[in-house]
Amino acid sequence: MDRRTFLSLSAASLAGWGLNGMLPAQAWGRGRRNDAYNIIILGDTHYDTEPADVYHSHYNEPTEWLNRVQRAEFARNGEMWRERCPRLVKRAACLVDENTRQVLQMGDLIQGDCGSGEVHRKMLSDVMDSFKASFGGALPLVTVVGNHDIRGTDAKAVYHDFMPKRMSEELGQPVAKTTFAYWIGPDAYIVIDFNHPDDEEVDKLLQETRKARHTFIVIHGPVLPYDAASCRWFFHGSAKPAHTQARLHFRREFAARNAIVLCGHVHRTELADWWGDGGRITQMTMNSVWSQPEKGQYKIISEGADSYGTLRKDTTYGDGRPVDDETPLFDEYRPGLRRYNVSPAAGCYKLSVDRRHVTIDFYAGDSTFCSQRFELR
């Protein structure tokens, strides 16, 4: 079978696995050794280009410090997308094999900040078409909404109109919202909009997928708090009582499913394996923002439960203010952390799933060889 044929068959197969159309176990196992498949994953990508005026000629942020920070991001993006990030995407495409079922991107697909809804739509369309072509054109390309994907004038309305339609085409099933679910064989993938959580929809999807072998929570921002300045920017992370109640509710629900969380947002490669609430949540944070050459190497900067929450103490908020003391939040999670490590490395990832194991191989930068294997199950 040649490459084009198996990619076409992979796309056709996935199109048949809609939310209400899971293949029976015996059909899934037939012809596939040990129920094995894989997914190629890109973390945050912040797609952009040079010169900045291509997508940001209408940009009009009035706050001086924020304008300065965001224009620096445009320059960062243009430089990394000039050469390094295309190499990263090309490396990711080389990981595709006959068992690859889709390409998954973890949000902040684009930089946003276009100042125009029309330009924002073009930015989304341009990167989806570019990434789709990079992976051969046939594999489904699935993305979850990130904060940058809805940032800018009319950006949220444009994303909510454009992307559900595109996800419907990619998955071969109706997708009406930015929170949705789909199956790959016996495994459920629940995609959650962490910017504007639809709790009723998430509860509904959890109920509909309760018989899944593995439950994957696909979300841009983490479910477990992350060790960075704005550590409250995680799923229902606000300290307000209503959010705390929702956070604890979904923490129990995810732990009861022994959920595997796939997320991005913090521009790190990070593993957090938390045991609590009678179950387990394993969180893998992924990053494809190759903003500096040295981030093409895998180096751990924090490891072990005792280090959880210590990185943020040397940081400030974007406007220069010192960070708040969030010790109680990290103390709440620290006793349940059985594995924890953080690296600033960027690259691409290969999620491999079978009936006994779930692993992620990380390729830092455009590395030819696997830089680190993470065993999730």
Protein backbone atom coordinates (compact mmCIF):
# COMPACT_ATOMS: atom_id res chain seq x y z
CA MET A 1 0.00 0.00 0.00
CA ASP A 2 1.48 3.38 -0.94
CA ARG A 3 1.47 6.45 1.32
CA ARG A 4 -1.39 8.23 -0.43
CA THR A 5 -3.62 5.16 -0.27
CA PHE A 6 -3.14 4.54 3.46
CA LEU A 7 -3.68 8.22 4.28
CA SER A 8 -6.94 8.17 2.35
CA LEU A 9 -8.05 5.00 4.10
CA SER A 10 -7.09 6.47 7.49
CA ALA A 11 -9.23 9.53 6.86
CA ALA A 12 -12.15 7.44 5.65
CA SER A 13 -11.90 5.17 8.66
CA LEU A 14 -11.91 8.03 11.16
CA ALA A 15 -14.83 9.70 9.40
CA GLY A 16 -16.90 6.66 10.31
CA TRP A 17 -16.13 6.93 14.03
CA GLY A 18 -18.58 9.67 14.97
CA LEU A 19 -19.69 10.32 18.54
CA ASN A 20 -22.66 7.99 18.24
CA GLY A 21 -21.04 5.54 15.85
CA MET A 22 -18.26 3.78 17.71
CA LEU A 23 -17.14 0.65 15.94
CA PRO A 24 -17.78 -2.55 17.93
CA ALA A 25 -14.70 -3.94 19.63
CA GLN A 26 -14.53 -7.00 17.43
CA ALA A 27 -14.61 -4.87 14.27
CA TRP A 28 -11.93 -2.56 15.65
CA GLY A 29 -9.62 -5.43 16.49
CA ARG A 30 -9.92 -7.13 13.13
CA GLY A 31 -6.80 -6.46 11.09
CA ARG A 32 -5.18 -4.21 13.69
CA ARG A 33 -2.57 -5.72 15.95
CA ASN A 34 -3.36 -5.19 19.63
CA ASP A 35 -5.86 -2.39 18.88
CA ALA A 36 -2.93 -0.09 18.16
CA TYR A 37 -3.08 3.38 16.63
CA ASN A 38 -1.26 6.68 16.96
CA ILE A 39 -1.87 10.40 16.71
CA ILE A 40 0.67 13.07 15.75
CA ILE A 41 0.41 16.08 18.06
CA LEU A 42 1.51 19.68 17.77
CA GLY A 43 1.36 21.88 20.87
CA ASP A 44 0.75 25.63 20.68
CA THR A 45 1.98 26.89 17.32
CA HIS A 46 1.16 30.65 17.26
CA TYR A 47 1.22 30.59 13.48
CA ASP A 48 2.28 33.94 12.03
CA THR A 49 4.54 35.31 9.33
CA GLU A 50 6.81 38.15 8.31
CA PRO A 51 6.30 41.00 7.78
CA ALA A 52 3.87 41.55 10.67
CA ASP A 53 1.59 43.64 8.44
CA VAL A 54 0.44 40.49 6.63
CA TYR A 55 -1.88 39.66 9.55
CA HIS A 56 -1.52 42.61 11.94
CA SER A 57 -1.92 45.76 9.82
CA HIS A 58 -5.23 46.51 11.62
CA TYR A 59 -3.86 45.78 15.11
CA ASN A 60 -4.90 48.58 17.49
CA GLU A 61 -4.25 47.65 21.14
CA PRO A 62 -4.44 50.97 23.09
CA THR A 63 -2.77 49.79 26.33
CA GLU A 64 0.88 50.76 26.01
CA TRP A 65 2.53 47.88 27.91
CA LEU A 66 0.27 45.28 26.27
CA ASN A 67 0.87 46.78 22.84
CA ARG A 68 4.61 46.50 23.46
CA VAL A 69 4.36 42.87 24.64
CA GLN A 70 2.16 41.76 21.77
CA ARG A 71 4.24 43.43 19.08
CA ALA A 72 7.24 41.60 20.54
CA GLU A 73 5.24 38.39 20.09
CA PHE A 74 4.66 39.25 16.42
CA ALA A 75 8.41 39.62 15.96
CA ARG A 76 9.07 36.36 17.84
CA ASN A 77 6.54 34.50 15.71
CA GLY A 78 7.83 35.85 12.44
CA GLU A 79 11.39 34.85 13.30
CA MET A 80 10.52 31.31 14.41
CA TRP A 81 8.15 30.70 11.47
CA ARG A 82 10.83 31.87 9.05
CA GLU A 83 12.72 28.59 9.38
CA ARG A 84 12.60 26.66 12.68
CA CYS A 85 8.87 25.98 12.95
CA PRO A 86 8.52 24.79 9.34
CA ARG A 87 11.31 22.30 10.13
CA LEU A 88 9.39 21.20 13.23
CA VAL A 89 6.18 20.61 11.25
CA LYS A 90 8.12 18.74 8.56
CA ARG A 91 9.61 16.50 11.26
CA ALA A 92 6.15 15.85 12.69
CA ALA A 93 4.89 14.83 9.25
CA CYS A 94 7.67 12.25 9.02
CA LEU A 95 6.20 10.49 12.08
CA VAL A 96 3.07 9.49 10.16
CA ASP A 97 2.77 5.75 9.51
CA GLU A 98 0.07 3.22 8.60
CA ASN A 99 -1.39 3.36 12.13
CA THR A 100 -1.73 7.14 12.29
CA ARG A 101 -5.37 8.18 12.65
CA GLN A 102 -5.18 11.97 12.89
CA VAL A 103 -3.15 15.07 13.61
CA LEU A 104 -4.07 16.94 16.79
CA GLN A 105 -3.15 20.56 17.63
CA MET A 106 -3.47 21.83 21.20
CA GLY A 107 -4.82 25.36 20.67
CA ASP A 108 -3.26 28.78 20.11
CA LEU A 109 -3.16 27.60 16.55
CA ILE A 110 -2.61 31.21 15.50
CA GLN A 111 -1.32 34.39 17.13
CA GLY A 112 -4.57 36.29 16.59
CA ASP A 113 -4.45 40.04 17.33
CA CYS A 114 -5.45 40.83 13.76
CA GLY A 115 -7.70 43.81 14.52
CA SER A 116 -10.09 42.58 11.79
CA GLY A 117 -12.50 39.66 11.70
CA GLU A 118 -11.88 39.16 8.00
CA VAL A 119 -8.11 38.90 8.51
CA HIS A 120 -8.60 36.62 11.52
CA ARG A 121 -10.64 34.23 9.37
CA LYS A 122 -7.92 34.26 6.73
CA MET A 123 -5.27 33.51 9.36
CA LEU A 124 -7.25 30.48 10.58
CA SER A 125 -7.90 29.24 7.07
CA ASP A 126 -4.30 29.75 5.96
CA VAL A 127 -2.79 27.69 8.78
CA MET A 128 -5.37 24.91 8.60
CA ASP A 129 -4.75 24.52 4.88
CA SER A 130 -0.96 24.71 5.34
CA PHE A 131 -0.83 22.12 8.13
CA LYS A 132 -3.28 19.89 6.30
CA ALA A 133 -1.05 19.90 3.23
CA SER A 134 2.07 19.28 5.33
CA PHE A 135 0.59 16.01 6.58
CA GLY A 136 -0.42 14.76 3.16
CA GLY A 137 -3.90 16.22 2.85
CA ALA A 138 -5.91 13.16 3.94
CA LEU A 139 -5.44 12.79 7.70
CA PRO A 140 -8.03 14.60 9.83
CA LEU A 141 -6.58 17.72 11.48
CA VAL A 142 -8.28 18.44 14.81
CA THR A 143 -7.70 21.52 16.97
CA VAL A 144 -9.02 22.82 20.30
CA VAL A 145 -9.69 26.52 20.85
CA GLY A 146 -6.96 28.47 22.64
CA ASN A 147 -7.02 31.98 24.04
CA HIS A 148 -5.08 33.43 21.08
CA ASP A 149 -7.49 31.80 18.63
CA ILE A 150 -10.26 34.14 19.83
CA ARG A 151 -8.12 37.22 20.60
CA GLY A 152 -8.72 40.44 18.69
CA THR A 153 -11.51 42.37 17.01
CA ASP A 154 -14.42 40.01 16.13
CA ALA A 155 -12.05 37.07 16.66
CA LYS A 156 -14.33 35.03 18.93
CA ALA A 157 -17.33 35.30 16.59
CA VAL A 158 -15.19 34.39 13.60
CA TYR A 159 -13.64 31.35 15.31
CA HIS A 160 -16.98 30.06 16.55
CA ASP A 161 -18.37 30.34 13.02
CA PHE A 162 -15.35 29.00 11.15
CA MET A 163 -13.89 26.21 13.25
CA PRO A 164 -16.94 24.03 14.11
CA LYS A 165 -17.68 23.82 10.39
CA ARG A 166 -14.07 22.89 9.68
CA MET A 167 -14.05 20.28 12.48
CA SER A 168 -17.24 18.79 11.03
CA GLU A 169 -15.41 18.32 7.74
CA GLU A 170 -12.30 16.91 9.37
CA LEU A 171 -14.10 14.42 11.62
CA GLY A 172 -16.96 13.48 9.29
CA GLN A 173 -19.55 14.20 12.00
CA PRO A 174 -21.57 17.26 13.03
CA VAL A 175 -19.64 19.62 15.29
CA ALA A 176 -21.73 22.58 16.40
CA LYS A 177 -19.71 23.98 19.29
CA THR A 178 -16.14 24.51 20.47
CA THR A 179 -16.78 21.74 23.03
CA PHE A 180 -17.39 18.37 21.36
CA ALA A 181 -16.33 14.73 21.41
CA TYR A 182 -15.40 11.96 19.02
CA TRP A 183 -14.22 8.36 19.15
CA ILE A 184 -11.18 6.59 17.83
CA GLY A 185 -12.08 2.93 18.14
CA PRO A 186 -12.96 2.26 21.80
CA ASP A 187 -11.39 5.51 23.07
CA ALA A 188 -13.20 8.79 23.69
CA TYR A 189 -11.71 12.22 23.00
CA ILE A 190 -13.55 15.06 24.75
CA VAL A 191 -12.53 18.47 23.39
CA ILE A 192 -13.20 21.33 25.84
CA ASP A 193 -13.26 25.09 25.37
CA PHE A 194 -11.47 26.29 28.50
CA ASN A 195 -11.95 29.96 27.60
CA HIS A 196 -15.73 29.70 28.00
CA PRO A 197 -16.49 26.37 29.71
CA ASP A 198 -19.82 24.78 28.78
CA ASP A 199 -20.21 22.67 31.92
CA GLU A 200 -23.55 21.20 30.93
CA GLU A 201 -22.13 20.03 27.62
CA VAL A 202 -19.03 18.55 29.25
CA ASP A 203 -21.19 16.60 31.72
CA LYS A 204 -23.31 15.37 28.81
CA LEU A 205 -20.27 14.22 26.84
CA LEU A 206 -18.83 12.45 29.87
CA GLN A 207 -22.08 10.55 30.24
CA GLU A 208 -22.25 9.65 26.54
CA THR A 209 -18.67 8.32 26.59
CA ARG A 210 -18.82 6.51 29.93
CA LYS A 211 -18.01 3.12 28.35
CA ALA A 212 -14.76 4.31 26.78
CA ARG A 213 -11.61 2.26 27.22
CA HIS A 214 -9.49 5.40 27.61
CA THR A 215 -10.84 8.92 28.13
CA PHE A 216 -8.72 11.72 26.70
CA ILE A 217 -9.52 15.29 27.74
CA VAL A 218 -8.28 17.62 24.99
CA ILE A 219 -8.09 21.18 26.28
CA HIS A 220 -5.85 24.18 25.66
CA GLY A 221 -5.35 25.27 29.26
CA PRO A 222 -4.41 22.63 31.83
CA VAL A 223 -6.78 20.84 34.20
CA LEU A 224 -4.13 20.63 36.94
CA PRO A 225 -2.68 24.02 37.97
CA TYR A 226 0.55 24.94 36.22
CA ASP A 227 3.65 26.45 37.75
CA ALA A 228 3.77 29.88 36.10
CA ALA A 229 2.91 33.49 36.90
CA SER A 230 -0.75 33.30 35.88
CA CYS A 231 -1.26 29.90 37.50
CA ARG A 232 -5.01 30.47 37.90
CA TRP A 233 -5.46 30.28 34.14
CA PHE A 234 -6.48 26.64 34.09
CA PHE A 235 -9.85 24.86 33.76
CA HIS A 236 -12.15 26.62 36.25
CA GLY A 237 -9.05 27.91 38.00
CA SER A 238 -10.54 31.11 39.39
CA ALA A 239 -10.60 31.34 43.18
CA LYS A 240 -14.25 32.42 43.12
CA PRO A 241 -16.51 29.93 44.98
CA ALA A 242 -18.58 29.00 41.92
CA HIS A 243 -15.45 28.18 39.92
CA THR A 244 -13.93 26.24 42.80
CA GLN A 245 -17.10 24.15 43.01
CA ALA A 246 -16.97 23.46 39.26
CA ARG A 247 -13.23 22.69 39.42
CA LEU A 248 -13.71 20.11 42.16
CA HIS A 249 -16.70 18.59 40.37
CA PHE A 250 -14.80 18.00 37.13
CA ARG A 251 -11.68 16.93 38.98
CA ARG A 252 -13.74 14.13 40.57
CA GLU A 253 -15.34 13.24 37.24
CA PHE A 254 -12.02 13.10 35.39
CA ALA A 255 -10.31 11.16 38.19
CA ALA A 256 -13.15 8.61 38.22
CA ARG A 257 -12.41 8.01 34.52
CA ASN A 258 -8.62 7.88 35.09
CA ALA A 259 -8.54 10.56 32.42
CA ILE A 260 -5.53 11.49 30.33
CA VAL A 261 -5.41 15.25 29.79
CA LEU A 262 -3.73 16.55 26.63
CA CYS A 263 -3.13 20.29 26.84
CA GLY A 264 -0.87 23.21 25.93
CA HIS A 265 -0.92 26.93 26.75
CA VAL A 266 2.22 27.28 28.90
CA HIS A 267 4.85 26.67 26.17
CA ARG A 268 6.44 23.77 28.00
CA THR A 269 6.75 20.02 27.76
CA GLU A 270 5.43 18.87 31.10
CA LEU A 271 4.14 15.70 32.75
CA ALA A 272 1.97 15.74 35.88
CA ASP A 273 0.56 12.45 37.19
CA TRP A 274 -1.90 13.18 40.00
CA TRP A 275 -3.68 10.58 42.12
CA GLY A 276 -6.67 11.72 44.15
CA ASP A 277 -10.46 11.81 44.41
CA GLY A 278 -10.40 8.02 44.21
CA GLY A 279 -8.75 7.95 40.79
CA ARG A 280 -6.04 9.42 38.62
CA ILE A 281 -5.49 12.32 36.23
CA THR A 282 -2.40 12.19 34.02
CA GLN A 283 -1.69 15.50 32.31
CA MET A 284 0.66 15.95 29.38
CA THR A 285 1.38 19.54 28.37
CA MET A 286 2.81 20.02 24.88
CA ASN A 287 4.57 22.87 23.13
CA SER A 288 5.53 23.61 19.52
CA VAL A 289 6.54 27.26 20.01
CA TRP A 290 10.20 26.93 19.02
CA SER A 291 10.88 30.53 19.98
CA GLN A 292 14.61 30.12 20.71
CA PRO A 293 17.13 27.66 19.24
CA GLU A 294 17.96 26.20 22.67
CA LYS A 295 14.34 25.10 23.11
CA GLY A 296 15.09 22.45 20.50
CA GLN A 297 16.78 20.43 23.26
CA TYR A 298 15.03 18.53 26.04
CA LYS A 299 16.26 19.71 29.45
CA ILE A 300 14.32 19.35 32.72
CA ILE A 301 14.13 22.53 34.82
CA SER A 302 11.82 21.31 37.60
CA GLU A 303 11.12 17.78 38.82
CA GLY A 304 9.35 16.09 41.72
CA ALA A 305 6.34 17.05 43.84
CA ASP A 306 8.47 19.17 46.19
CA SER A 307 9.34 21.52 43.32
CA TYR A 308 5.70 22.01 42.27
CA GLY A 309 4.84 25.71 42.50
CA THR A 310 8.40 26.97 42.95
CA LEU A 311 9.11 28.21 39.40
CA ARG A 312 6.55 31.02 39.56
CA LYS A 313 8.16 32.63 42.60
CA ASP A 314 10.87 34.16 40.40
CA THR A 315 8.41 35.59 37.84
CA THR A 316 6.14 38.61 37.51
CA TYR A 317 2.89 39.32 35.71
CA GLY A 318 3.08 40.78 32.20
CA ASP A 319 2.71 44.32 33.50
CA GLY A 320 5.58 43.87 35.96
CA ARG A 321 3.57 43.30 39.14
CA PRO A 322 4.82 40.61 41.57
CA VAL A 323 2.83 37.39 41.52
CA ASP A 324 0.25 36.57 44.19
CA ASP A 325 1.02 33.94 46.80
CA GLU A 326 -0.74 30.79 45.58
CA THR A 327 0.89 28.36 48.02
CA PRO A 328 -2.46 26.89 49.21
CA LEU A 329 -3.42 25.99 45.64
CA PHE A 330 -0.21 24.06 45.01
CA ASP A 331 -0.35 22.51 48.49
CA GLU A 332 -3.77 21.12 47.59
CA TYR A 333 -2.34 19.12 44.69
CA ARG A 334 1.21 18.38 45.82
CA PRO A 335 0.43 15.27 47.98
CA GLY A 336 -1.18 13.50 45.02
CA LEU A 337 1.64 14.15 42.53
CA ARG A 338 3.41 10.86 41.90
CA ARG A 339 5.31 12.10 38.85
CA TYR A 340 6.09 15.66 37.83
CA ASN A 341 8.67 17.18 35.50
CA VAL A 342 8.94 20.34 33.42
CA SER A 343 11.03 21.27 30.39
CA PRO A 344 10.90 24.45 28.28
CA ALA A 345 11.53 22.35 25.17
CA ALA A 346 9.42 22.69 22.02
CA GLY A 347 8.86 20.03 19.40
CA CYS A 348 6.34 17.48 18.15
CA TYR A 349 4.76 14.44 19.76
CA LYS A 350 3.51 10.99 18.85
CA LEU A 351 0.74 9.54 21.02
CA SER A 352 0.59 5.73 20.75
CA VAL A 353 -2.37 3.81 22.14
CA ASP A 354 -3.09 0.11 22.44
CA ARG A 355 -5.07 -2.07 24.83
CA ARG A 356 -2.23 -2.15 27.40
CA HIS A 357 -0.25 1.05 27.01
CA VAL A 358 -0.54 4.77 26.27
CA THR A 359 2.75 6.54 25.56
CA ILE A 360 3.91 9.85 24.10
CA ASP A 361 7.23 10.13 22.28
CA PHE A 362 8.59 13.67 22.24
CA TYR A 363 10.89 14.93 19.50
CA ALA A 364 12.55 18.18 20.60
CA GLY A 365 12.92 20.74 17.81
CA ASP A 366 13.31 18.75 14.60
CA SER A 367 15.22 15.92 16.26
CA THR A 368 15.56 12.74 14.22
CA PHE A 369 15.42 10.60 17.34
CA CYS A 370 12.95 10.50 20.23
CA SER A 371 14.13 12.90 22.95
CA GLN A 372 11.92 11.49 25.72
CA ARG A 373 9.24 8.83 26.08
CA PHE A 374 6.41 9.49 28.53
CA GLU A 375 4.47 6.45 29.73
CA LEU A 376 0.95 7.60 30.57
CA ARG A 377 -0.62 4.18 31.08
